[in-house]
PDB file of N, CA and C in Angstrom:
ATOM      1  N   MET A   1       0.844  -1.174   0.000  1.00  0.00           N
ATOM      2  CA  MET A   1       0.000   0.000   0.000  1.00  0.00           C
ATOM      3  C   MET A   1       0.895   1.244   0.000  1.00  0.00           C
ATOM      4  N   SER A   2       0.485   2.257  -0.712  1.00  0.00           N
ATOM      5  CA  SER A   2       1.292   3.474  -0.812  1.00  0.00           C
ATOM      6  C   SER A   2       1.191   4.306   0.461  1.00  0.00           C
ATOM      7  N   GLN A   3       2.175   5.166   0.640  1.00  0.00           N
ATOM      8  CA  GLN A   3       2.198   6.060   1.795  1.00  0.00           C
ATOM      9  C   GLN A   3       1.195   7.199   1.590  1.00  0.00           C
ATOM     10  N   LEU A   4       0.501   7.561   2.644  1.00  0.00           N
ATOM     11  CA  LEU A   4      -0.413   8.690   2.619  1.00  0.00           C
ATOM     12  C   LEU A   4       0.164   9.804   3.474  1.00  0.00           C
ATOM     13  N   PHE A   5      -0.321  11.003   3.290  1.00  0.00           N
ATOM     14  CA  PHE A   5       0.264  12.168   3.968  1.00  0.00           C
ATOM     15  C   PHE A   5       0.306  12.027   5.474  1.00  0.00           C
ATOM     16  N   PHE A   6      -0.566  11.240   6.045  1.00  0.00           N
ATOM     17  CA  PHE A   6      -0.639  11.128   7.501  1.00  0.00           C
ATOM     18  C   PHE A   6       0.113   9.930   8.063  1.00  0.00           C
ATOM     19  N   ASP A   7       0.622   9.056   7.220  1.00  0.00           N
ATOM     20  CA  ASP A   7       1.263   7.831   7.706  1.00  0.00           C
ATOM     21  C   ASP A   7       2.450   8.093   8.629  1.00  0.00           C
ATOM     22  N   LYS A   8       3.286   9.066   8.303  1.00  0.00           N
ATOM     23  CA  LYS A   8       4.499   9.325   9.093  1.00  0.00           C
ATOM     24  C   LYS A   8       4.220  10.054  10.413  1.00  0.00           C
ATOM     25  N   ILE A   9       3.058  10.682  10.540  1.00  0.00           N
ATOM     26  CA  ILE A   9       2.789  11.443  11.770  1.00  0.00           C
ATOM     27  C   ILE A   9       2.021  10.621  12.808  1.00  0.00           C
ATOM     28  N   LEU A  10       1.547   9.449  12.409  1.00  0.00           N
ATOM     29  CA  LEU A  10       0.760   8.633  13.329  1.00  0.00           C
ATOM     30  C   LEU A  10       1.618   7.536  13.931  1.00  0.00           C
ATOM     31  N   ASP A  11       1.538   7.394  15.232  1.00  0.00           N
ATOM     32  CA  ASP A  11       2.225   6.308  15.924  1.00  0.00           C
ATOM     33  C   ASP A  11       1.196   5.208  16.148  1.00  0.00           C
ATOM     34  N   LEU A  12       1.330   4.139  15.382  1.00  0.00           N
ATOM     35  CA  LEU A  12       0.357   3.053  15.459  1.00  0.00           C
ATOM     36  C   LEU A  12       0.850   1.893  16.316  1.00  0.00           C
ATOM     37  N   SER A  13       1.941   2.097  17.047  1.00  0.00           N
ATOM     38  CA  SER A  13       2.519   0.991  17.827  1.00  0.00           C
ATOM     39  C   SER A  13       1.575   0.508  18.929  1.00  0.00           C
ATOM     40  N   LYS A  14       0.907   1.416  19.619  1.00  0.00           N
ATOM     41  CA  LYS A  14      -0.028   0.995  20.667  1.00  0.00           C
ATOM     42  C   LYS A  14      -1.216   0.259  20.064  1.00  0.00           C
ATOM     43  N   LEU A  15      -1.687   0.757  18.943  1.00  0.00           N
ATOM     44  CA  LEU A  15      -2.791   0.100  18.252  1.00  0.00           C
ATOM     45  C   LEU A  15      -2.364  -1.289  17.784  1.00  0.00           C
ATOM     46  N   GLU A  16      -1.147  -1.386  17.298  1.00  0.00           N
ATOM     47  CA  GLU A  16      -0.625  -2.682  16.868  1.00  0.00           C
ATOM     48  C   GLU A  16      -0.585  -3.665  18.040  1.00  0.00           C
ATOM     49  N   ASN A  17      -0.165  -3.197  19.206  1.00  0.00           N
ATOM     50  CA  ASN A  17      -0.142  -4.062  20.393  1.00  0.00           C
ATOM     51  C   ASN A  17      -1.542  -4.548  20.752  1.00  0.00           C
ATOM     52  N   VAL A  18      -2.503  -3.659  20.684  1.00  0.00           N
ATOM     53  CA  VAL A  18      -3.887  -4.036  20.990  1.00  0.00           C
ATOM     54  C   VAL A  18      -4.365  -5.090  19.996  1.00  0.00           C
ATOM     55  N   LEU A  19      -4.112  -4.866  18.722  1.00  0.00           N
ATOM     56  CA  LEU A  19      -4.560  -5.817  17.698  1.00  0.00           C
ATOM     57  C   LEU A  19      -3.845  -7.157  17.820  1.00  0.00           C
ATOM     58  N   ASN A  20      -2.582  -7.126  18.181  1.00  0.00           N
ATOM     59  CA  ASN A  20      -1.844  -8.376  18.361  1.00  0.00           C
ATOM     60  C   ASN A  20      -2.449  -9.211  19.486  1.00  0.00           C
ATOM     61  N   LYS A  21      -2.920  -8.547  20.516  1.00  0.00           N
ATOM     62  CA  LYS A  21      -3.538  -9.260  21.636  1.00  0.00           C
ATOM     63  C   LYS A  21      -4.913  -9.823  21.269  1.00  0.00           C
ATOM     64  N   LEU A  22      -5.542  -9.207  20.289  1.00  0.00           N
ATOM     65  CA  LEU A  22      -6.887  -9.639  19.879  1.00  0.00           C
ATOM     66  C   LEU A  22      -6.869 -10.787  18.874  1.00  0.00           C
ATOM     67  N   THR A  23      -5.729 -11.066  18.288  1.00  0.00           N
ATOM     68  CA  THR A  23      -5.655 -12.082  17.242  1.00  0.00           C
ATOM     69  C   THR A  23      -4.774 -13.244  17.660  1.00  0.00           C
ATOM     70  N   ARG A  24      -5.066 -14.389  17.070  1.00  0.00           N
ATOM     71  CA  ARG A  24      -4.310 -15.585  17.413  1.00  0.00           C
ATOM     72  C   ARG A  24      -3.340 -16.014  16.325  1.00  0.00           C
ATOM     73  N   SER A  25      -3.600 -15.582  15.107  1.00  0.00           N
ATOM     74  CA  SER A  25      -2.746 -16.026  14.010  1.00  0.00           C
ATOM     75  C   SER A  25      -2.339 -14.843  13.137  1.00  0.00           C
ATOM     76  N   THR A  26      -1.313 -15.083  12.346  1.00  0.00           N
ATOM     77  CA  THR A  26      -0.851 -14.061  11.401  1.00  0.00           C
ATOM     78  C   THR A  26      -1.955 -13.747  10.402  1.00  0.00           C
ATOM     79  N   GLU A  27      -2.685 -14.749   9.986  1.00  0.00           N
ATOM     80  CA  GLU A  27      -3.772 -14.552   9.023  1.00  0.00           C
ATOM     81  C   GLU A  27      -4.861 -13.651   9.611  1.00  0.00           C
ATOM     82  N   GLU A  28      -5.250 -13.906  10.845  1.00  0.00           N
ATOM     83  CA  GLU A  28      -6.246 -13.052  11.518  1.00  0.00           C
ATOM     84  C   GLU A  28      -5.731 -11.621  11.637  1.00  0.00           C
ATOM     85  N   ARG A  29      -4.478 -11.495  12.036  1.00  0.00           N
ATOM     86  CA  ARG A  29      -3.869 -10.178  12.223  1.00  0.00           C
ATOM     87  C   ARG A  29      -3.851  -9.397  10.905  1.00  0.00           C
ATOM     88  N   THR A  30      -3.477 -10.068   9.837  1.00  0.00           N
ATOM     89  CA  THR A  30      -3.437  -9.427   8.524  1.00  0.00           C
ATOM     90  C   THR A  30      -4.827  -8.969   8.099  1.00  0.00           C
ATOM     91  N   GLU A  31      -5.796  -9.817   8.278  1.00  0.00           N
ATOM     92  CA  GLU A  31      -7.171  -9.464   7.906  1.00  0.00           C
ATOM     93  C   GLU A  31      -7.689  -8.309   8.760  1.00  0.00           C
ATOM     94  N   LEU A  32      -7.418  -8.355  10.038  1.00  0.00           N
ATOM     95  CA  LEU A  32      -7.858  -7.292  10.925  1.00  0.00           C
ATOM     96  C   LEU A  32      -7.187  -5.966  10.569  1.00  0.00           C
ATOM     97  N   TRP A  33      -5.890  -6.016  10.243  1.00  0.00           N
ATOM     98  CA  TRP A  33      -5.174  -4.796   9.865  1.00  0.00           C
ATOM     99  C   TRP A  33      -5.741  -4.178   8.594  1.00  0.00           C
ATOM    100  N   LEU A  34      -6.205  -5.005   7.670  1.00  0.00           N
ATOM    101  CA  LEU A  34      -6.832  -4.468   6.453  1.00  0.00           C
ATOM    102  C   LEU A  34      -8.059  -3.635   6.812  1.00  0.00           C
ATOM    103  N   HIS A  35      -8.858  -4.146   7.735  1.00  0.00           N
ATOM    104  CA  HIS A  35     -10.053  -3.412   8.178  1.00  0.00           C
ATOM    105  C   HIS A  35      -9.667  -2.157   8.961  1.00  0.00           C
ATOM    106  N   VAL A  36      -8.710  -2.295   9.849  1.00  0.00           N
ATOM    107  CA  VAL A  36      -8.278  -1.158  10.668  1.00  0.00           C
ATOM    108  C   VAL A  36      -7.659  -0.072   9.789  1.00  0.00           C
ATOM    109  N   ASP A  37      -6.899  -0.474   8.794  1.00  0.00           N
ATOM    110  CA  ASP A  37      -6.302   0.496   7.878  1.00  0.00           C
ATOM    111  C   ASP A  37      -7.388   1.310   7.173  1.00  0.00           C
ATOM    112  N   GLU A  38      -8.438   0.647   6.765  1.00  0.00           N
ATOM    113  CA  GLU A  38      -9.557   1.344   6.123  1.00  0.00           C
ATOM    114  C   GLU A  38     -10.254   2.289   7.108  1.00  0.00           C
ATOM    115  N   ILE A  39     -10.429   1.826   8.336  1.00  0.00           N
ATOM    116  CA  ILE A  39     -11.056   2.661   9.368  1.00  0.00           C
ATOM    117  C   ILE A  39     -10.186   3.896   9.637  1.00  0.00           C
ATOM    118  N   ILE A  40      -8.878   3.695   9.752  1.00  0.00           N
ATOM    119  CA  ILE A  40      -7.964   4.820   9.989  1.00  0.00           C
ATOM    120  C   ILE A  40      -8.083   5.833   8.853  1.00  0.00           C
ATOM    121  N   HIS A  41      -8.035   5.349   7.634  1.00  0.00           N
ATOM    122  CA  HIS A  41      -8.136   6.226   6.466  1.00  0.00           C
ATOM    123  C   HIS A  41      -9.438   7.042   6.536  1.00  0.00           C
ATOM    124  N   ASN A  42     -10.544   6.371   6.781  1.00  0.00           N
ATOM    125  CA  ASN A  42     -11.834   7.068   6.843  1.00  0.00           C
ATOM    126  C   ASN A  42     -11.894   8.064   7.996  1.00  0.00           C
ATOM    127  N   ARG A  43     -11.364   7.669   9.147  1.00  0.00           N
ATOM    128  CA  ARG A  43     -11.381   8.562  10.307  1.00  0.00           C
ATOM    129  C   ARG A  43     -10.527   9.801  10.076  1.00  0.00           C
ATOM    130  N   ILE A  44      -9.362   9.617   9.465  1.00  0.00           N
ATOM    131  CA  ILE A  44      -8.470  10.751   9.232  1.00  0.00           C
ATOM    132  C   ILE A  44      -9.095  11.724   8.237  1.00  0.00           C
ATOM    133  N   ILE A  45      -9.610  11.212   7.140  1.00  0.00           N
ATOM    134  CA  ILE A  45     -10.227  12.091   6.139  1.00  0.00           C
ATOM    135  C   ILE A  45     -11.454  12.778   6.743  1.00  0.00           C
ATOM    136  N   SER A  46     -12.274  12.051   7.476  1.00  0.00           N
ATOM    137  CA  SER A  46     -13.451  12.647   8.138  1.00  0.00           C
ATOM    138  C   SER A  46     -13.040  13.721   9.130  1.00  0.00           C
ATOM    139  N   CYS A  47     -11.991  13.450   9.880  1.00  0.00           N
ATOM    140  CA  CYS A  47     -11.493  14.416  10.858  1.00  0.00           C
ATOM    141  C   CYS A  47     -11.013  15.689  10.158  1.00  0.00           C
ATOM    142  N   CYS A  48     -10.310  15.530   9.061  1.00  0.00           N
ATOM    143  CA  CYS A  48      -9.848  16.700   8.299  1.00  0.00           C
ATOM    144  C   CYS A  48     -11.044  17.518   7.824  1.00  0.00           C
ATOM    145  N   LEU A  49     -12.039  16.859   7.276  1.00  0.00           N
ATOM    146  CA  LEU A  49     -13.219  17.556   6.776  1.00  0.00           C
ATOM    147  C   LEU A  49     -13.994  18.220   7.904  1.00  0.00           C
ATOM    148  N   LEU A  50     -14.030  17.579   9.049  1.00  0.00           N
ATOM    149  CA  LEU A  50     -14.730  18.143  10.200  1.00  0.00           C
ATOM    150  C   LEU A  50     -14.093  19.463  10.637  1.00  0.00           C
ATOM    151  N   HIS A  51     -12.774  19.531  10.595  1.00  0.00           N
ATOM    152  CA  HIS A  51     -12.068  20.726  11.056  1.00  0.00           C
ATOM    153  C   HIS A  51     -11.930  21.802   9.985  1.00  0.00           C
ATOM    154  N   LEU A  52     -12.045  21.407   8.730  1.00  0.00           N
ATOM    155  CA  LEU A  52     -11.992  22.381   7.634  1.00  0.00           C
ATOM    156  C   LEU A  52     -13.360  23.036   7.448  1.00  0.00           C
ATOM    157  N   HIS A  53     -13.359  24.290   7.136  1.00  0.00           N
ATOM    158  CA  HIS A  53     -14.610  24.947   6.754  1.00  0.00           C
ATOM    159  C   HIS A  53     -15.088  24.292   5.457  1.00  0.00           C
ATOM    160  N   LYS A  54     -16.394  24.162   5.303  1.00  0.00           N
ATOM    161  CA  LYS A  54     -16.912  23.450   4.134  1.00  0.00           C
ATOM    162  C   LYS A  54     -16.500  24.095   2.813  1.00  0.00           C
ATOM    163  N   ASP A  55     -16.158  25.369   2.836  1.00  0.00           N
ATOM    164  CA  ASP A  55     -15.681  26.035   1.617  1.00  0.00           C
ATOM    165  C   ASP A  55     -14.374  25.433   1.108  1.00  0.00           C
ATOM    166  N   HIS A  56     -13.649  24.729   1.984  1.00  0.00           N
ATOM    167  CA  HIS A  56     -12.355  24.147   1.614  1.00  0.00           C
ATOM    168  C   HIS A  56     -12.425  22.639   1.366  1.00  0.00           C
ATOM    169  N   HIS A  57     -13.579  22.032   1.556  1.00  0.00           N
ATOM    170  CA  HIS A  57     -13.696  20.585   1.402  1.00  0.00           C
ATOM    171  C   HIS A  57     -13.294  20.115   0.003  1.00  0.00           C
ATOM    172  N   GLN A  58     -13.860  20.738  -1.008  1.00  0.00           N
ATOM    173  CA  GLN A  58     -13.588  20.326  -2.388  1.00  0.00           C
ATOM    174  C   GLN A  58     -12.103  20.450  -2.719  1.00  0.00           C
ATOM    175  N   GLU A  59     -11.517  21.572  -2.340  1.00  0.00           N
ATOM    176  CA  GLU A  59     -10.099  21.795  -2.618  1.00  0.00           C
ATOM    177  C   GLU A  59      -9.232  20.750  -1.910  1.00  0.00           C
ATOM    178  N   PHE A  60      -9.529  20.487  -0.633  1.00  0.00           N
ATOM    179  CA  PHE A  60      -8.780  19.487   0.119  1.00  0.00           C
ATOM    180  C   PHE A  60      -8.872  18.122  -0.560  1.00  0.00           C
ATOM    181  N   LEU A  61     -10.080  17.718  -0.927  1.00  0.00           N
ATOM    182  CA  LEU A  61     -10.252  16.402  -1.551  1.00  0.00           C
ATOM    183  C   LEU A  61      -9.533  16.319  -2.899  1.00  0.00           C
ATOM    184  N   GLU A  62      -9.545  17.399  -3.656  1.00  0.00           N
ATOM    185  CA  GLU A  62      -8.819  17.418  -4.928  1.00  0.00           C
ATOM    186  C   GLU A  62      -7.316  17.283  -4.695  1.00  0.00           C
ATOM    187  N   ILE A  63      -6.794  17.988  -3.705  1.00  0.00           N
ATOM    188  CA  ILE A  63      -5.365  17.889  -3.375  1.00  0.00           C
ATOM    189  C   ILE A  63      -5.042  16.473  -2.930  1.00  0.00           C
ATOM    190  N   PHE A  64      -5.871  15.918  -2.077  1.00  0.00           N
ATOM    191  CA  PHE A  64      -5.636  14.567  -1.554  1.00  0.00           C
ATOM    192  C   PHE A  64      -5.692  13.527  -2.680  1.00  0.00           C
ATOM    193  N   ILE A  65      -6.658  13.636  -3.551  1.00  0.00           N
ATOM    194  CA  ILE A  65      -6.784  12.675  -4.653  1.00  0.00           C
ATOM    195  C   ILE A  65      -5.599  12.794  -5.608  1.00  0.00           C
ATOM    196  N   ARG A  66      -5.174  14.008  -5.883  1.00  0.00           N
ATOM    197  CA  ARG A  66      -4.067  14.253  -6.803  1.00  0.00           C
ATOM    198  C   ARG A  66      -2.727  13.769  -6.215  1.00  0.00           C
ATOM    199  N   SER A  67      -2.504  14.035  -4.936  1.00  0.00           N
ATOM    200  CA  SER A  67      -1.222  13.696  -4.304  1.00  0.00           C
ATOM    201  C   SER A  67      -1.436  13.240  -2.864  1.00  0.00           C
ATOM    202  N   PRO A  68      -1.966  12.052  -2.663  1.00  0.00           N
ATOM    203  CA  PRO A  68      -2.289  11.597  -1.305  1.00  0.00           C
ATOM    204  C   PRO A  68      -1.079  11.447  -0.381  1.00  0.00           C
ATOM    205  N   TYR A  69       0.098  11.379  -0.949  1.00  0.00           N
ATOM    206  CA  TYR A  69       1.336  11.186  -0.186  1.00  0.00           C
ATOM    207  C   TYR A  69       2.009  12.512   0.169  1.00  0.00           C
ATOM    208  N   ASP A  70       1.501  13.631  -0.359  1.00  0.00           N
ATOM    209  CA  ASP A  70       2.140  14.935  -0.201  1.00  0.00           C
ATOM    210  C   ASP A  70       2.113  15.393   1.263  1.00  0.00           C
ATOM    211  N   LYS A  71       3.283  15.471   1.875  1.00  0.00           N
ATOM    212  CA  LYS A  71       3.377  15.893   3.279  1.00  0.00           C
ATOM    213  C   LYS A  71       2.961  17.349   3.459  1.00  0.00           C
ATOM    214  N   GLY A  72       2.905  18.108   2.372  1.00  0.00           N
ATOM    215  CA  GLY A  72       2.447  19.492   2.416  1.00  0.00           C
ATOM    216  C   GLY A  72       0.971  19.623   2.750  1.00  0.00           C
ATOM    217  N   ILE A  73       0.241  18.524   2.686  1.00  0.00           N
ATOM    218  CA  ILE A  73      -1.187  18.558   3.029  1.00  0.00           C
ATOM    219  C   ILE A  73      -1.373  18.973   4.483  1.00  0.00           C
ATOM    220  N   ILE A  74      -0.480  18.551   5.353  1.00  0.00           N
ATOM    221  CA  ILE A  74      -0.593  18.929   6.773  1.00  0.00           C
ATOM    222  C   ILE A  74      -0.470  20.443   6.918  1.00  0.00           C
ATOM    223  N   LYS A  75       0.476  21.040   6.216  1.00  0.00           N
ATOM    224  CA  LYS A  75       0.618  22.499   6.265  1.00  0.00           C
ATOM    225  C   LYS A  75      -0.645  23.167   5.719  1.00  0.00           C
ATOM    226  N   TYR A  76      -1.179  22.643   4.634  1.00  0.00           N
ATOM    227  CA  TYR A  76      -2.424  23.165   4.068  1.00  0.00           C
ATOM    228  C   TYR A  76      -3.529  23.128   5.133  1.00  0.00           C
ATOM    229  N   LEU A  77      -3.657  21.985   5.803  1.00  0.00           N
ATOM    230  CA  LEU A  77      -4.692  21.835   6.837  1.00  0.00           C
ATOM    231  C   LEU A  77      -4.453  22.799   7.996  1.00  0.00           C
ATOM    232  N   ASP A  78      -3.201  22.920   8.434  1.00  0.00           N
ATOM    233  CA  ASP A  78      -2.862  23.863   9.511  1.00  0.00           C
ATOM    234  C   ASP A  78      -3.267  25.288   9.124  1.00  0.00           C
ATOM    235  N   ASP A  79      -2.916  25.678   7.901  1.00  0.00           N
ATOM    236  CA  ASP A  79      -3.219  27.037   7.432  1.00  0.00           C
ATOM    237  C   ASP A  79      -4.718  27.283   7.353  1.00  0.00           C
ATOM    238  N   LYS A  80      -5.450  26.342   6.820  1.00  0.00           N
ATOM    239  CA  LYS A  80      -6.891  26.533   6.608  1.00  0.00           C
ATOM    240  C   LYS A  80      -7.696  26.423   7.904  1.00  0.00           C
ATOM    241  N   THR A  81      -7.256  25.574   8.825  1.00  0.00           N
ATOM    242  CA  THR A  81      -8.021  25.369  10.064  1.00  0.00           C
ATOM    243  C   THR A  81      -7.534  26.249  11.206  1.00  0.00           C
ATOM    244  N   LYS A  82      -6.312  26.768  11.083  1.00  0.00           N
ATOM    245  CA  LYS A  82      -5.669  27.528  12.166  1.00  0.00           C
ATOM    246  C   LYS A  82      -5.485  26.644  13.407  1.00  0.00           C
ATOM    247  N   LYS A  83      -5.266  25.354  13.171  1.00  0.00           N
ATOM    248  CA  LYS A  83      -5.046  24.379  14.240  1.00  0.00           C
ATOM    249  C   LYS A  83      -3.805  23.566  13.915  1.00  0.00           C
ATOM    250  N   ASP A  84      -3.280  22.907  14.942  1.00  0.00           N
ATOM    251  CA  ASP A  84      -2.178  21.966  14.759  1.00  0.00           C
ATOM    252  C   ASP A  84      -2.803  20.628  14.368  1.00  0.00           C
ATOM    253  N   MET A  85      -2.975  20.435  13.064  1.00  0.00           N
ATOM    254  CA  MET A  85      -3.693  19.251  12.598  1.00  0.00           C
ATOM    255  C   MET A  85      -2.921  17.959  12.832  1.00  0.00           C
ATOM    256  N   LYS A  86      -1.606  18.032  12.933  1.00  0.00           N
ATOM    257  CA  LYS A  86      -0.836  16.844  13.293  1.00  0.00           C
ATOM    258  C   LYS A  86      -1.314  16.344  14.655  1.00  0.00           C
ATOM    259  N   LYS A  87      -1.433  17.247  15.608  1.00  0.00           N
ATOM    260  CA  LYS A  87      -1.906  16.899  16.956  1.00  0.00           C
ATOM    261  C   LYS A  87      -3.357  16.423  16.912  1.00  0.00           C
ATOM    262  N   VAL A  88      -4.189  17.099  16.151  1.00  0.00           N
ATOM    263  CA  VAL A  88      -5.607  16.716  16.034  1.00  0.00           C
ATOM    264  C   VAL A  88      -5.714  15.283  15.505  1.00  0.00           C
ATOM    265  N   LEU A  89      -4.942  14.964  14.472  1.00  0.00           N
ATOM    266  CA  LEU A  89      -4.995  13.626  13.883  1.00  0.00           C
ATOM    267  C   LEU A  89      -4.410  12.579  14.822  1.00  0.00           C
ATOM    268  N   GLN A  90      -3.358  12.935  15.530  1.00  0.00           N
ATOM    269  CA  GLN A  90      -2.791  12.002  16.517  1.00  0.00           C
ATOM    270  C   GLN A  90      -3.801  11.716  17.625  1.00  0.00           C
ATOM    271  N   ASP A  91      -4.515  12.738  18.064  1.00  0.00           N
ATOM    272  CA  ASP A  91      -5.546  12.553  19.084  1.00  0.00           C
ATOM    273  C   ASP A  91      -6.674  11.661  18.572  1.00  0.00           C
ATOM    274  N   GLU A  92      -6.997  11.800  17.302  1.00  0.00           N
ATOM    275  CA  GLU A  92      -8.049  10.966  16.702  1.00  0.00           C
ATOM    276  C   GLU A  92      -7.645   9.497  16.717  1.00  0.00           C
ATOM    277  N   ILE A  93      -6.384   9.212  16.455  1.00  0.00           N
ATOM    278  CA  ILE A  93      -5.901   7.827  16.482  1.00  0.00           C
ATOM    279  C   ILE A  93      -5.900   7.294  17.917  1.00  0.00           C
ATOM    280  N   LYS A  94      -5.558   8.135  18.878  1.00  0.00           N
ATOM    281  CA  LYS A  94      -5.620   7.714  20.283  1.00  0.00           C
ATOM    282  C   LYS A  94      -7.055   7.349  20.663  1.00  0.00           C
ATOM    283  N   LEU A  95      -7.999   8.110  20.176  1.00  0.00           N
ATOM    284  CA  LEU A  95      -9.405   7.808  20.425  1.00  0.00           C
ATOM    285  C   LEU A  95      -9.785   6.470  19.792  1.00  0.00           C
ATOM    286  N   LEU A  96      -9.332   6.225  18.593  1.00  0.00           N
ATOM    287  CA  LEU A  96      -9.596   4.950  17.929  1.00  0.00           C
ATOM    288  C   LEU A  96      -8.980   3.791  18.717  1.00  0.00           C
ATOM    289  N   GLU A  97      -7.760   3.960  19.196  1.00  0.00           N
ATOM    290  CA  GLU A  97      -7.120   2.923  20.019  1.00  0.00           C
ATOM    291  C   GLU A  97      -7.979   2.602  21.229  1.00  0.00           C
ATOM    292  N   LYS A  98      -8.474   3.635  21.883  1.00  0.00           N
ATOM    293  CA  LYS A  98      -9.319   3.456  23.069  1.00  0.00           C
ATOM    294  C   LYS A  98     -10.594   2.700  22.703  1.00  0.00           C
ATOM    295  N   GLU A  99     -11.203   3.062  21.607  1.00  0.00           N
ATOM    296  CA  GLU A  99     -12.425   2.399  21.169  1.00  0.00           C
ATOM    297  C   GLU A  99     -12.196   0.924  20.890  1.00  0.00           C
ATOM    298  N   ILE A 100     -11.068   0.607  20.253  1.00  0.00           N
ATOM    299  CA  ILE A 100     -10.755  -0.775  19.946  1.00  0.00           C
ATOM    300  C   ILE A 100     -10.484  -1.559  21.235  1.00  0.00           C
ATOM    301  N   ARG A 101      -9.746  -0.930  22.164  1.00  0.00           N
ATOM    302  CA  ARG A 101      -9.483  -1.595  23.450  1.00  0.00           C
ATOM    303  C   ARG A 101     -10.777  -1.918  24.175  1.00  0.00           C
ATOM    304  N   GLU A 102     -11.760  -1.064  24.070  1.00  0.00           N
ATOM    305  CA  GLU A 102     -13.038  -1.254  24.753  1.00  0.00           C
ATOM    306  C   GLU A 102     -13.876  -2.364  24.126  1.00  0.00           C
ATOM    307  N   LEU A 103     -13.512  -2.818  22.940  1.00  0.00           N
ATOM    308  CA  LEU A 103     -14.246  -3.894  22.269  1.00  0.00           C
ATOM    309  C   LEU A 103     -13.986  -5.249  22.891  1.00  0.00           C
ATOM    310  N   ARG A 104     -12.862  -5.368  23.572  1.00  0.00           N
ATOM    311  CA  ARG A 104     -12.476  -6.678  24.119  1.00  0.00           C
ATOM    312  C   ARG A 104     -13.392  -7.150  25.175  1.00  0.00           C
TER     313      ARG A 104
END
């Protein structure tokens, strides 16, 4: 899978530990990671849209579709939202980790 703009800013090690504890085999772990990867992608994009004014939604999605790996997207988000979006996205992943832990 290709790198996305948010891949390098997210620490997924705690989430990986949680998922490892939930699975018994490499096959289960791989399948679960496919689902979690999709959830992460959806949560991150939703979080970006939530914090962006709707006037910027189309532009953001066009930038993301054109260059999903562009690390400059974080700067774009920071500028448009006037927030530290790296921190916002990291907090969103922490929330996801908590939600997954609560499933056990």
